[in-house]
Amino acid sequence: MHGTAPDTLKEEILHARNRVYKAGAMTPLQEIYNNGAPYRVFVKREDLGPINAYKWRGAYNAVATYHEKTGCKTVVAASAGNHAQGVALAAQKAQHTGKDFHAAFHAHDEADFGKTSRRRFR
């Protein structure tokens, strides 16, 4: 029996949280100096996460969820940045095979615009 939409959403969020934090620790909040203002300011220290960016959580959760549903052990990422790093982290943690495809852009060489480079990870 399925619960209401808010109950189901809350349950999925908790499952995602459990999956994700098997791969990396929560990033802390840090209070920063705010020049004597009458309020406190905090920053979330994503630079302390496994890839130095927040994108790893969504990528890891997507790969883990897909693997749970299908049993698939091959991962492909098409990204030019942090998302691909998150997918690579997920594949590595799950001992999957993966490939990252990203466009190579060089500001000084228009001939290279749009060429695809490939990088294997594991």
PDB file of N, CA and C in Angstrom:
ATOM      1  N   MET A   1       0.848  -1.190   0.000  1.00  0.00           N
ATOM      2  CA  MET A   1       0.000   0.000   0.000  1.00  0.00           C
ATOM      3  C   MET A   1       0.886   1.244   0.000  1.00  0.00           C
ATOM      4  N   HIS A   2       0.543   2.187  -0.852  1.00  0.00           N
ATOM      5  CA  HIS A   2       1.321   3.419  -0.968  1.00  0.00           C
ATOM      6  C   HIS A   2       0.739   4.495  -0.071  1.00  0.00           C
ATOM      7  N   GLY A   3       1.623   5.308   0.505  1.00  0.00           N
ATOM      8  CA  GLY A   3       1.190   6.412   1.336  1.00  0.00           C
ATOM      9  C   GLY A   3       0.805   7.614   0.492  1.00  0.00           C
ATOM     10  N   THR A   4       0.533   8.709   1.166  1.00  0.00           N
ATOM     11  CA  THR A   4       0.220   9.936   0.452  1.00  0.00           C
ATOM     12  C   THR A   4       1.486  10.475  -0.203  1.00  0.00           C
ATOM     13  N   ALA A   5       1.339  11.388  -1.124  1.00  0.00           N
ATOM     14  CA  ALA A   5       2.495  11.947  -1.839  1.00  0.00           C
ATOM     15  C   ALA A   5       3.540  12.528  -0.873  1.00  0.00           C
ATOM     16  N   PRO A   6       3.154  13.342   0.115  1.00  0.00           N
ATOM     17  CA  PRO A   6       4.176  13.852   1.048  1.00  0.00           C
ATOM     18  C   PRO A   6       4.872  12.739   1.824  1.00  0.00           C
ATOM     19  N   ASP A   7       4.130  11.701   2.217  1.00  0.00           N
ATOM     20  CA  ASP A   7       4.751  10.583   2.940  1.00  0.00           C
ATOM     21  C   ASP A   7       5.737   9.849   2.043  1.00  0.00           C
ATOM     22  N   THR A   8       5.333   9.603   0.802  1.00  0.00           N
ATOM     23  CA  THR A   8       6.201   8.911  -0.150  1.00  0.00           C
ATOM     24  C   THR A   8       7.440   9.743  -0.437  1.00  0.00           C
ATOM     25  N   LEU A   9       7.272  11.032  -0.614  1.00  0.00           N
ATOM     26  CA  LEU A   9       8.403  11.920  -0.868  1.00  0.00           C
ATOM     27  C   LEU A   9       9.371  11.910   0.312  1.00  0.00           C
ATOM     28  N   LYS A  10       8.831  12.004   1.513  1.00  0.00           N
ATOM     29  CA  LYS A  10       9.691  11.990   2.700  1.00  0.00           C
ATOM     30  C   LYS A  10      10.456  10.671   2.780  1.00  0.00           C
ATOM     31  N   GLU A  11       9.795   9.570   2.491  1.00  0.00           N
ATOM     32  CA  GLU A  11      10.438   8.261   2.517  1.00  0.00           C
ATOM     33  C   GLU A  11      11.557   8.182   1.469  1.00  0.00           C
ATOM     34  N   GLU A  12      11.310   8.679   0.268  1.00  0.00           N
ATOM     35  CA  GLU A  12      12.327   8.675  -0.790  1.00  0.00           C
ATOM     36  C   GLU A  12      13.525   9.545  -0.415  1.00  0.00           C
ATOM     37  N   ILE A  13      13.256  10.683   0.210  1.00  0.00           N
ATOM     38  CA  ILE A  13      14.344  11.569   0.646  1.00  0.00           C
ATOM     39  C   ILE A  13      15.213  10.856   1.676  1.00  0.00           C
ATOM     40  N   LEU A  14      14.597  10.155   2.607  1.00  0.00           N
ATOM     41  CA  LEU A  14      15.360   9.434   3.623  1.00  0.00           C
ATOM     42  C   LEU A  14      16.164   8.293   3.011  1.00  0.00           C
ATOM     43  N   HIS A  15      15.572   7.583   2.031  1.00  0.00           N
ATOM     44  CA  HIS A  15      16.312   6.518   1.335  1.00  0.00           C
ATOM     45  C   HIS A  15      17.510   7.105   0.587  1.00  0.00           C
ATOM     46  N   ALA A  16      17.287   8.232  -0.100  1.00  0.00           N
ATOM     47  CA  ALA A  16      18.378   8.882  -0.843  1.00  0.00           C
ATOM     48  C   ALA A  16      19.491   9.294   0.122  1.00  0.00           C
ATOM     49  N   ARG A  17      19.108   9.850   1.236  1.00  0.00           N
ATOM     50  CA  ARG A  17      20.093  10.281   2.234  1.00  0.00           C
ATOM     51  C   ARG A  17      20.941   9.102   2.714  1.00  0.00           C
ATOM     52  N   ASN A  18      20.281   7.978   2.990  1.00  0.00           N
ATOM     53  CA  ASN A  18      21.007   6.789   3.432  1.00  0.00           C
ATOM     54  C   ASN A  18      21.957   6.277   2.349  1.00  0.00           C
ATOM     55  N   ARG A  19      21.498   6.276   1.100  1.00  0.00           N
ATOM     56  CA  ARG A  19      22.354   5.829  -0.005  1.00  0.00           C
ATOM     57  C   ARG A  19      23.562   6.744  -0.156  1.00  0.00           C
ATOM     58  N   VAL A  20      23.311   8.019  -0.217  1.00  0.00           N
ATOM     59  CA  VAL A  20      24.343   9.009  -0.521  1.00  0.00           C
ATOM     60  C   VAL A  20      25.426   9.060   0.546  1.00  0.00           C
ATOM     61  N   TYR A  21      25.047   9.029   1.792  1.00  0.00           N
ATOM     62  CA  TYR A  21      26.046   9.192   2.841  1.00  0.00           C
ATOM     63  C   TYR A  21      26.806   7.904   3.158  1.00  0.00           C
ATOM     64  N   LYS A  22      26.592   6.860   2.354  1.00  0.00           N
ATOM     65  CA  LYS A  22      27.486   5.706   2.377  1.00  0.00           C
ATOM     66  C   LYS A  22      28.745   6.034   1.575  1.00  0.00           C
ATOM     67  N   ALA A  23      28.616   6.977   0.639  1.00  0.00           N
ATOM     68  CA  ALA A  23      29.725   7.324  -0.269  1.00  0.00           C
ATOM     69  C   ALA A  23      30.565   8.486   0.230  1.00  0.00           C
ATOM     70  N   GLY A  24      30.007   9.355   1.006  1.00  0.00           N
ATOM     71  CA  GLY A  24      30.744  10.520   1.489  1.00  0.00           C
ATOM     72  C   GLY A  24      30.047  11.119   2.695  1.00  0.00           C
ATOM     73  N   ALA A  25      30.798  11.808   3.491  1.00  0.00           N
ATOM     74  CA  ALA A  25      30.255  12.406   4.713  1.00  0.00           C
ATOM     75  C   ALA A  25      29.459  13.677   4.392  1.00  0.00           C
ATOM     76  N   MET A  26      28.587  14.029   5.312  1.00  0.00           N
ATOM     77  CA  MET A  26      27.870  15.300   5.184  1.00  0.00           C
ATOM     78  C   MET A  26      28.883  16.432   5.229  1.00  0.00           C
ATOM     79  N   THR A  27      28.649  17.445   4.424  1.00  0.00           N
ATOM     80  CA  THR A  27      29.529  18.610   4.470  1.00  0.00           C
ATOM     81  C   THR A  27      29.019  19.554   5.556  1.00  0.00           C
ATOM     82  N   PRO A  28      29.926  20.111   6.341  1.00  0.00           N
ATOM     83  CA  PRO A  28      29.511  20.917   7.488  1.00  0.00           C
ATOM     84  C   PRO A  28      29.100  22.341   7.113  1.00  0.00           C
ATOM     85  N   LEU A  29      28.346  22.942   8.015  1.00  0.00           N
ATOM     86  CA  LEU A  29      28.081  24.379   7.934  1.00  0.00           C
ATOM     87  C   LEU A  29      29.171  25.072   8.742  1.00  0.00           C
ATOM     88  N   GLN A  30      29.607  26.215   8.261  1.00  0.00           N
ATOM     89  CA  GLN A  30      30.623  26.978   8.979  1.00  0.00           C
ATOM     90  C   GLN A  30      30.161  28.420   9.080  1.00  0.00           C
ATOM     91  N   GLU A  31      30.209  28.955  10.280  1.00  0.00           N
ATOM     92  CA  GLU A  31      29.838  30.351  10.467  1.00  0.00           C
ATOM     93  C   GLU A  31      30.964  31.235   9.945  1.00  0.00           C
ATOM     94  N   ILE A  32      30.599  32.288   9.238  1.00  0.00           N
ATOM     95  CA  ILE A  32      31.599  33.215   8.715  1.00  0.00           C
ATOM     96  C   ILE A  32      31.379  34.595   9.333  1.00  0.00           C
ATOM     97  N   TYR A  33      32.424  35.351   9.339  1.00  0.00           N
ATOM     98  CA  TYR A  33      32.376  36.713   9.875  1.00  0.00           C
ATOM     99  C   TYR A  33      31.451  37.567   9.014  1.00  0.00           C
ATOM    100  N   ASN A  34      30.575  38.320   9.643  1.00  0.00           N
ATOM    101  CA  ASN A  34      29.626  39.148   8.889  1.00  0.00           C
ATOM    102  C   ASN A  34      29.722  40.628   9.233  1.00  0.00           C
ATOM    103  N   ASN A  35      30.888  41.060   9.639  1.00  0.00           N
ATOM    104  CA  ASN A  35      31.158  42.476   9.858  1.00  0.00           C
ATOM    105  C   ASN A  35      30.249  43.114  10.915  1.00  0.00           C
ATOM    106  N   GLY A  36      29.922  42.353  11.946  1.00  0.00           N
ATOM    107  CA  GLY A  36      29.153  42.893  13.062  1.00  0.00           C
ATOM    108  C   GLY A  36      27.670  43.077  12.797  1.00  0.00           C
ATOM    109  N   ALA A  37      27.128  42.515  11.710  1.00  0.00           N
ATOM    110  CA  ALA A  37      25.696  42.627  11.420  1.00  0.00           C
ATOM    111  C   ALA A  37      24.895  41.879  12.488  1.00  0.00           C
ATOM    112  N   PRO A  38      23.615  42.248  12.683  1.00  0.00           N
ATOM    113  CA  PRO A  38      22.807  41.634  13.744  1.00  0.00           C
ATOM    114  C   PRO A  38      22.239  40.260  13.363  1.00  0.00           C
ATOM    115  N   TYR A  39      22.912  39.533  12.535  1.00  0.00           N
ATOM    116  CA  TYR A  39      22.478  38.186  12.161  1.00  0.00           C
ATOM    117  C   TYR A  39      23.727  37.327  11.940  1.00  0.00           C
ATOM    118  N   ARG A  40      23.523  36.032  11.939  1.00  0.00           N
ATOM    119  CA  ARG A  40      24.631  35.094  11.739  1.00  0.00           C
ATOM    120  C   ARG A  40      24.593  34.581  10.301  1.00  0.00           C
ATOM    121  N   VAL A  41      25.757  34.341   9.721  1.00  0.00           N
ATOM    122  CA  VAL A  41      25.861  33.848   8.354  1.00  0.00           C
ATOM    123  C   VAL A  41      26.649  32.539   8.363  1.00  0.00           C
ATOM    124  N   PHE A  42      26.085  31.541   7.679  1.00  0.00           N
ATOM    125  CA  PHE A  42      26.737  30.239   7.568  1.00  0.00           C
ATOM    126  C   PHE A  42      26.927  29.886   6.103  1.00  0.00           C
ATOM    127  N   VAL A  43      27.998  29.176   5.808  1.00  0.00           N
ATOM    128  CA  VAL A  43      28.215  28.649   4.460  1.00  0.00           C
ATOM    129  C   VAL A  43      28.308  27.124   4.583  1.00  0.00           C
ATOM    130  N   LYS A  44      27.838  26.447   3.558  1.00  0.00           N
ATOM    131  CA  LYS A  44      27.939  24.990   3.512  1.00  0.00           C
ATOM    132  C   LYS A  44      29.242  24.656   2.814  1.00  0.00           C
ATOM    133  N   ARG A  45      30.107  23.915   3.452  1.00  0.00           N
ATOM    134  CA  ARG A  45      31.466  23.658   2.974  1.00  0.00           C
ATOM    135  C   ARG A  45      31.525  22.505   1.971  1.00  0.00           C
ATOM    136  N   GLU A  46      30.996  22.743   0.779  1.00  0.00           N
ATOM    137  CA  GLU A  46      31.021  21.726  -0.267  1.00  0.00           C
ATOM    138  C   GLU A  46      32.440  21.428  -0.743  1.00  0.00           C
ATOM    139  N   ASP A  47      33.359  22.350  -0.488  1.00  0.00           N
ATOM    140  CA  ASP A  47      34.754  22.103  -0.857  1.00  0.00           C
ATOM    141  C   ASP A  47      35.375  20.981  -0.029  1.00  0.00           C
ATOM    142  N   LEU A  48      34.688  20.535   1.015  1.00  0.00           N
ATOM    143  CA  LEU A  48      35.188  19.439   1.844  1.00  0.00           C
ATOM    144  C   LEU A  48      34.577  18.090   1.447  1.00  0.00           C
ATOM    145  N   GLY A  49      33.699  18.085   0.451  1.00  0.00           N
ATOM    146  CA  GLY A  49      33.078  16.846  -0.013  1.00  0.00           C
ATOM    147  C   GLY A  49      34.021  16.050  -0.902  1.00  0.00           C
ATOM    148  N   PRO A  50      33.598  14.860  -1.316  1.00  0.00           N
ATOM    149  CA  PRO A  50      34.488  13.967  -2.068  1.00  0.00           C
ATOM    150  C   PRO A  50      34.939  14.499  -3.429  1.00  0.00           C
ATOM    151  N   ILE A  51      34.164  15.396  -4.059  1.00  0.00           N
ATOM    152  CA  ILE A  51      34.607  15.973  -5.339  1.00  0.00           C
ATOM    153  C   ILE A  51      34.652  17.500  -5.278  1.00  0.00           C
ATOM    154  N   ASN A  52      34.555  18.054  -4.087  1.00  0.00           N
ATOM    155  CA  ASN A  52      34.609  19.511  -3.877  1.00  0.00           C
ATOM    156  C   ASN A  52      33.449  20.259  -4.515  1.00  0.00           C
ATOM    157  N   ALA A  53      32.318  19.609  -4.666  1.00  0.00           N
ATOM    158  CA  ALA A  53      31.125  20.242  -5.227  1.00  0.00           C
ATOM    159  C   ALA A  53      29.895  19.461  -4.771  1.00  0.00           C
ATOM    160  N   TYR A  54      28.742  20.100  -4.773  1.00  0.00           N
ATOM    161  CA  TYR A  54      27.529  19.453  -4.279  1.00  0.00           C
ATOM    162  C   TYR A  54      26.951  18.432  -5.254  1.00  0.00           C
ATOM    163  N   LYS A  55      27.324  18.453  -6.517  1.00  0.00           N
ATOM    164  CA  LYS A  55      26.712  17.608  -7.547  1.00  0.00           C
ATOM    165  C   LYS A  55      26.849  16.112  -7.291  1.00  0.00           C
ATOM    166  N   TRP A  56      27.771  15.702  -6.476  1.00  0.00           N
ATOM    167  CA  TRP A  56      27.995  14.275  -6.295  1.00  0.00           C
ATOM    168  C   TRP A  56      26.801  13.564  -5.686  1.00  0.00           C
ATOM    169  N   ARG A  57      26.029  14.249  -4.849  1.00  0.00           N
ATOM    170  CA  ARG A  57      24.905  13.598  -4.183  1.00  0.00           C
ATOM    171  C   ARG A  57      23.848  13.123  -5.181  1.00  0.00           C
ATOM    172  N   GLY A  58      23.439  14.017  -6.077  1.00  0.00           N
ATOM    173  CA  GLY A  58      22.427  13.658  -7.067  1.00  0.00           C
ATOM    174  C   GLY A  58      22.922  12.592  -8.024  1.00  0.00           C
ATOM    175  N   ALA A  59      24.175  12.732  -8.460  1.00  0.00           N
ATOM    176  CA  ALA A  59      24.745  11.748  -9.380  1.00  0.00           C
ATOM    177  C   ALA A  59      24.847  10.389  -8.695  1.00  0.00           C
ATOM    178  N   TYR A  60      25.332  10.381  -7.477  1.00  0.00           N
ATOM    179  CA  TYR A  60      25.469   9.119  -6.756  1.00  0.00           C
ATOM    180  C   TYR A  60      24.104   8.479  -6.539  1.00  0.00           C
ATOM    181  N   ASN A  61      23.138   9.261  -6.127  1.00  0.00           N
ATOM    182  CA  ASN A  61      21.804   8.731  -5.879  1.00  0.00           C
ATOM    183  C   ASN A  61      21.187   8.171  -7.156  1.00  0.00           C
ATOM    184  N   ALA A  62      21.372   8.864  -8.282  1.00  0.00           N
ATOM    185  CA  ALA A  62      20.816   8.394  -9.552  1.00  0.00           C
ATOM    186  C   ALA A  62      21.429   7.059  -9.961  1.00  0.00           C
ATOM    187  N   VAL A  63      22.743   6.950  -9.857  1.00  0.00           N
ATOM    188  CA  VAL A  63      23.420   5.700 -10.226  1.00  0.00           C
ATOM    189  C   VAL A  63      23.006   4.578  -9.278  1.00  0.00           C
ATOM    190  N   ALA A  64      22.999   4.841  -7.984  1.00  0.00           N
ATOM    191  CA  ALA A  64      22.640   3.808  -7.003  1.00  0.00           C
ATOM    192  C   ALA A  64      21.194   3.355  -7.178  1.00  0.00           C
ATOM    193  N   THR A  65      20.288   4.287  -7.400  1.00  0.00           N
ATOM    194  CA  THR A  65      18.879   3.945  -7.588  1.00  0.00           C
ATOM    195  C   THR A  65      18.690   3.109  -8.842  1.00  0.00           C
ATOM    196  N   TYR A  66      19.330   3.536  -9.930  1.00  0.00           N
ATOM    197  CA  TYR A  66      19.204   2.795 -11.181  1.00  0.00           C
ATOM    198  C   TYR A  66      19.759   1.377 -11.023  1.00  0.00           C
ATOM    199  N   HIS A  67      20.887   1.249 -10.350  1.00  0.00           N
ATOM    200  CA  HIS A  67      21.468  -0.073 -10.121  1.00  0.00           C
ATOM    201  C   HIS A  67      20.530  -0.941  -9.277  1.00  0.00           C
ATOM    202  N   GLU A  68      19.943  -0.353  -8.242  1.00  0.00           N
ATOM    203  CA  GLU A  68      19.012  -1.116  -7.391  1.00  0.00           C
ATOM    204  C   GLU A  68      17.828  -1.636  -8.198  1.00  0.00           C
ATOM    205  N   LYS A  69      17.331  -0.818  -9.131  1.00  0.00           N
ATOM    206  CA  LYS A  69      16.147  -1.189  -9.921  1.00  0.00           C
ATOM    207  C   LYS A  69      16.472  -2.161 -11.045  1.00  0.00           C
ATOM    208  N   THR A  70      17.651  -2.037 -11.648  1.00  0.00           N
ATOM    209  CA  THR A  70      17.944  -2.806 -12.861  1.00  0.00           C
ATOM    210  C   THR A  70      19.072  -3.811 -12.714  1.00  0.00           C
ATOM    211  N   GLY A  71      19.956  -3.616 -11.750  1.00  0.00           N
ATOM    212  CA  GLY A  71      21.127  -4.462 -11.619  1.00  0.00           C
ATOM    213  C   GLY A  71      22.234  -4.108 -12.612  1.00  0.00           C
ATOM    214  N   CYS A  72      22.023  -3.070 -13.392  1.00  0.00           N
ATOM    215  CA  CYS A  72      22.998  -2.633 -14.396  1.00  0.00           C
ATOM    216  C   CYS A  72      24.295  -2.200 -13.718  1.00  0.00           C
ATOM    217  N   LYS A  73      25.445  -2.613 -14.290  1.00  0.00           N
ATOM    218  CA  LYS A  73      26.738  -2.283 -13.695  1.00  0.00           C
ATOM    219  C   LYS A  73      27.613  -1.455 -14.622  1.00  0.00           C
ATOM    220  N   THR A  74      27.011  -0.836 -15.620  1.00  0.00           N
ATOM    221  CA  THR A  74      27.754   0.044 -16.517  1.00  0.00           C
ATOM    222  C   THR A  74      27.144   1.428 -16.436  1.00  0.00           C
ATOM    223  N   VAL A  75      27.987   2.437 -16.331  1.00  0.00           N
ATOM    224  CA  VAL A  75      27.539   3.811 -16.182  1.00  0.00           C
ATOM    225  C   VAL A  75      28.205   4.663 -17.244  1.00  0.00           C
ATOM    226  N   VAL A  76      27.434   5.542 -17.882  1.00  0.00           N
ATOM    227  CA  VAL A  76      27.975   6.488 -18.852  1.00  0.00           C
ATOM    228  C   VAL A  76      27.556   7.884 -18.426  1.00  0.00           C
ATOM    229  N   ALA A  77      28.499   8.805 -18.405  1.00  0.00           N
ATOM    230  CA  ALA A  77      28.197  10.199 -18.077  1.00  0.00           C
ATOM    231  C   ALA A  77      28.551  11.068 -19.264  1.00  0.00           C
ATOM    232  N   ALA A  78      27.675  11.981 -19.594  1.00  0.00           N
ATOM    233  CA  ALA A  78      27.962  12.970 -20.628  1.00  0.00           C
ATOM    234  C   ALA A  78      27.914  14.329 -19.942  1.00  0.00           C
ATOM    235  N   SER A  79      29.058  14.805 -19.538  1.00  0.00           N
ATOM    236  CA  SER A  79      29.124  16.027 -18.752  1.00  0.00           C
ATOM    237  C   SER A  79      30.496  16.649 -18.907  1.00  0.00           C
ATOM    238  N   ALA A  80      30.555  17.932 -18.661  1.00  0.00           N
ATOM    239  CA  ALA A  80      31.835  18.634 -18.733  1.00  0.00           C
ATOM    240  C   ALA A  80      32.339  19.035 -17.358  1.00  0.00           C
ATOM    241  N   GLY A  81      31.763  18.465 -16.302  1.00  0.00           N
ATOM    242  CA  GLY A  81      32.210  18.964 -15.012  1.00  0.00           C
ATOM    243  C   GLY A  81      31.851  18.111 -13.825  1.00  0.00           C
ATOM    244  N   ASN A  82      31.276  18.761 -12.813  1.00  0.00           N
ATOM    245  CA  ASN A  82      31.053  18.148 -11.515  1.00  0.00           C
ATOM    246  C   ASN A  82      30.108  16.956 -11.551  1.00  0.00           C
ATOM    247  N   HIS A  83      29.105  16.998 -12.428  1.00  0.00           N
ATOM    248  CA  HIS A  83      28.177  15.873 -12.492  1.00  0.00           C
ATOM    249  C   HIS A  83      28.915  14.599 -12.899  1.00  0.00           C
ATOM    250  N   ALA A  84      29.780  14.708 -13.895  1.00  0.00           N
ATOM    251  CA  ALA A  84      30.557  13.539 -14.333  1.00  0.00           C
ATOM    252  C   ALA A  84      31.454  13.036 -13.208  1.00  0.00           C
ATOM    253  N   GLN A  85      32.002  13.937 -12.425  1.00  0.00           N
ATOM    254  CA  GLN A  85      32.821  13.515 -11.288  1.00  0.00           C
ATOM    255  C   GLN A  85      31.970  12.753 -10.270  1.00  0.00           C
ATOM    256  N   GLY A  86      30.727  13.209 -10.081  1.00  0.00           N
ATOM    257  CA  GLY A  86      29.815  12.509  -9.179  1.00  0.00           C
ATOM    258  C   GLY A  86      29.462  11.125  -9.696  1.00  0.00           C
ATOM    259  N   VAL A  87      29.232  11.005 -11.003  1.00  0.00           N
ATOM    260  CA  VAL A  87      28.941   9.704 -11.607  1.00  0.00           C
ATOM    261  C   VAL A  87      30.161   8.790 -11.475  1.00  0.00           C
ATOM    262  N   ALA A  88      31.350   9.353 -11.709  1.00  0.00           N
ATOM    263  CA  ALA A  88      32.580   8.565 -11.569  1.00  0.00           C
ATOM    264  C   ALA A  88      32.733   8.069 -10.131  1.00  0.00           C
ATOM    265  N   LEU A  89      32.445   8.918  -9.167  1.00  0.00           N
ATOM    266  CA  LEU A  89      32.513   8.521  -7.767  1.00  0.00           C
ATOM    267  C   LEU A  89      31.538   7.373  -7.495  1.00  0.00           C
ATOM    268  N   ALA A  90      30.318   7.503  -8.001  1.00  0.00           N
ATOM    269  CA  ALA A  90      29.308   6.468  -7.799  1.00  0.00           C
ATOM    270  C   ALA A  90      29.750   5.143  -8.413  1.00  0.00           C
ATOM    271  N   ALA A  91      30.267   5.199  -9.633  1.00  0.00           N
ATOM    272  CA  ALA A  91      30.718   3.974 -10.303  1.00  0.00           C
ATOM    273  C   ALA A  91      31.878   3.343  -9.538  1.00  0.00           C
ATOM    274  N   GLN A  92      32.790   4.168  -9.073  1.00  0.00           N
ATOM    275  CA  GLN A  92      33.941   3.658  -8.323  1.00  0.00           C
ATOM    276  C   GLN A  92      33.496   2.999  -7.021  1.00  0.00           C
ATOM    277  N   LYS A  93      32.616   3.661  -6.276  1.00  0.00           N
ATOM    278  CA  LYS A  93      32.161   3.125  -4.992  1.00  0.00           C
ATOM    279  C   LYS A  93      31.400   1.816  -5.177  1.00  0.00           C
ATOM    280  N   ALA A  94      30.657   1.707  -6.279  1.00  0.00           N
ATOM    281  CA  ALA A  94      29.864   0.506  -6.532  1.00  0.00           C
ATOM    282  C   ALA A  94      30.636  -0.535  -7.335  1.00  0.00           C
ATOM    283  N   GLN A  95      31.875  -0.216  -7.680  1.00  0.00           N
ATOM    284  CA  GLN A  95      32.730  -1.084  -8.487  1.00  0.00           C
ATOM    285  C   GLN A  95      32.083  -1.402  -9.836  1.00  0.00           C
ATOM    286  N   HIS A  96      31.502  -0.375 -10.451  1.00  0.00           N
ATOM    287  CA  HIS A  96      30.906  -0.496 -11.777  1.00  0.00           C
ATOM    288  C   HIS A  96      31.934  -0.078 -12.820  1.00  0.00           C
ATOM    289  N   THR A  97      31.649  -0.426 -14.058  1.00  0.00           N
ATOM    290  CA  THR A  97      32.428   0.062 -15.186  1.00  0.00           C
ATOM    291  C   THR A  97      31.770   1.355 -15.646  1.00  0.00           C
ATOM    292  N   GLY A  98      32.569   2.345 -16.005  1.00  0.00           N
ATOM    293  CA  GLY A  98      31.978   3.597 -16.442  1.00  0.00           C
ATOM    294  C   GLY A  98      32.822   4.317 -17.449  1.00  0.00           C
ATOM    295  N   LYS A  99      32.175   5.201 -18.193  1.00  0.00           N
ATOM    296  CA  LYS A  99      32.863   6.069 -19.141  1.00  0.00           C
ATOM    297  C   LYS A  99      32.283   7.466 -19.016  1.00  0.00           C
ATOM    298  N   ASP A 100      33.160   8.433 -19.193  1.00  0.00           N
ATOM    299  CA  ASP A 100      32.768   9.839 -19.167  1.00  0.00           C
ATOM    300  C   ASP A 100      33.050  10.415 -20.546  1.00  0.00           C
ATOM    301  N   PHE A 101      32.027  10.967 -21.176  1.00  0.00           N
ATOM    302  CA  PHE A 101      32.186  11.627 -22.463  1.00  0.00           C
ATOM    303  C   PHE A 101      31.962  13.113 -22.237  1.00  0.00           C
ATOM    304  N   HIS A 102      32.902  13.934 -22.661  1.00  0.00           N
ATOM    305  CA  HIS A 102      32.689  15.374 -22.524  1.00  0.00           C
ATOM    306  C   HIS A 102      33.324  16.089 -23.711  1.00  0.00           C
ATOM    307  N   ALA A 103      32.720  17.214 -24.052  1.00  0.00           N
ATOM    308  CA  ALA A 103      33.230  18.001 -25.170  1.00  0.00           C
ATOM    309  C   ALA A 103      34.495  18.722 -24.750  1.00  0.00           C
ATOM    310  N   ALA A 104      35.451  18.786 -25.651  1.00  0.00           N
ATOM    311  CA  ALA A 104      36.704  19.491 -25.381  1.00  0.00           C
ATOM    312  C   ALA A 104      36.606  20.885 -25.982  1.00  0.00           C
ATOM    313  N   PHE A 105      36.648  21.894 -25.145  1.00  0.00           N
ATOM    314  CA  PHE A 105      36.566  23.275 -25.616  1.00  0.00           C
ATOM    315  C   PHE A 105      37.876  23.979 -25.307  1.00  0.00           C
ATOM    316  N   HIS A 106      38.474  24.560 -26.316  1.00  0.00           N
ATOM    317  CA  HIS A 106      39.730  25.288 -26.147  1.00  0.00           C
ATOM    318  C   HIS A 106      39.517  26.700 -26.675  1.00  0.00           C
ATOM    319  N   ALA A 107      39.708  27.679 -25.842  1.00  0.00           N
ATOM    320  CA  ALA A 107      39.455  29.064 -26.225  1.00  0.00           C
ATOM    321  C   ALA A 107      40.369  29.531 -27.349  1.00  0.00           C
ATOM    322  N   HIS A 108      41.553  28.952 -27.470  1.00  0.00           N
ATOM    323  CA  HIS A 108      42.515  29.432 -28.449  1.00  0.00           C
ATOM    324  C   HIS A 108      42.536  28.622 -29.737  1.00  0.00           C
ATOM    325  N   ASP A 109      41.730  27.586 -29.827  1.00  0.00           N
ATOM    326  CA  ASP A 109      41.782  26.724 -31.002  1.00  0.00           C
ATOM    327  C   ASP A 109      40.370  26.350 -31.432  1.00  0.00           C
ATOM    328  N   GLU A 110      39.803  27.130 -32.341  1.00  0.00           N
ATOM    329  CA  GLU A 110      38.445  26.882 -32.792  1.00  0.00           C
ATOM    330  C   GLU A 110      38.293  25.539 -33.480  1.00  0.00           C
ATOM    331  N   ALA A 111      39.354  24.980 -34.028  1.00  0.00           N
ATOM    332  CA  ALA A 111      39.289  23.687 -34.704  1.00  0.00           C
ATOM    333  C   ALA A 111      38.913  22.572 -33.734  1.00  0.00           C
ATOM    334  N   ASP A 112      39.217  22.743 -32.447  1.00  0.00           N
ATOM    335  CA  ASP A 112      38.904  21.716 -31.453  1.00  0.00           C
ATOM    336  C   ASP A 112      37.486  21.833 -30.908  1.00  0.00           C
ATOM    337  N   PHE A 113      36.770  22.875 -31.259  1.00  0.00           N
ATOM    338  CA  PHE A 113      35.443  23.113 -30.703  1.00  0.00           C
ATOM    339  C   PHE A 113      34.530  21.916 -30.978  1.00  0.00           C
ATOM    340  N   GLY A 114      33.987  21.355 -29.920  1.00  0.00           N
ATOM    341  CA  GLY A 114      33.024  20.284 -30.066  1.00  0.00           C
ATOM    342  C   GLY A 114      33.610  18.894 -30.221  1.00  0.00           C
ATOM    343  N   LYS A 115      34.924  18.762 -30.288  1.00  0.00           N
ATOM    344  CA  LYS A 115      35.487  17.419 -30.338  1.00  0.00           C
ATOM    345  C   LYS A 115      35.183  16.710 -29.028  1.00  0.00           C
ATOM    346  N   THR A 116      35.020  15.428 -29.113  1.00  0.00           N
ATOM    347  CA  THR A 116      34.700  14.659 -27.913  1.00  0.00           C
ATOM    348  C   THR A 116      35.931  13.936 -27.412  1.00  0.00           C
ATOM    349  N   SER A 117      36.172  14.043 -26.144  1.00  0.00           N
ATOM    350  CA  SER A 117      37.238  13.255 -25.545  1.00  0.00           C
ATOM    351  C   SER A 117      36.590  12.205 -24.663  1.00  0.00           C
ATOM    352  N   ARG A 118      37.270  11.121 -24.454  1.00  0.00           N
ATOM    353  CA  ARG A 118      36.730  10.034 -23.647  1.00  0.00           C
ATOM    354  C   ARG A 118      37.711   9.704 -22.540  1.00  0.00           C
ATOM    355  N   ARG A 119      37.162   9.443 -21.376  1.00  0.00           N
ATOM    356  CA  ARG A 119      38.000   9.110 -20.232  1.00  0.00           C
ATOM    357  C   ARG A 119      37.346   7.930 -19.505  1.00  0.00           C
ATOM    358  N   ARG A 120      38.094   6.901 -19.300  1.00  0.00           N
ATOM    359  CA  ARG A 120      37.602   5.754 -18.549  1.00  0.00           C
ATOM    360  C   ARG A 120      37.874   5.977 -17.074  1.00  0.00           C
ATOM    361  N   PHE A 121      36.962   5.587 -16.236  1.00  0.00           N
ATOM    362  CA  PHE A 121      37.216   5.699 -14.807  1.00  0.00           C
ATOM    363  C   PHE A 121      36.895   4.396 -14.122  1.00  0.00           C
ATOM    364  N   ARG A 122      37.541   4.222 -13.028  1.00  0.00           N
ATOM    365  CA  ARG A 122      37.284   3.101 -12.149  1.00  0.00           C
ATOM    366  C   ARG A 122      38.335   3.055 -11.089  1.00  0.00           C
TER     367      ARG A 122
END
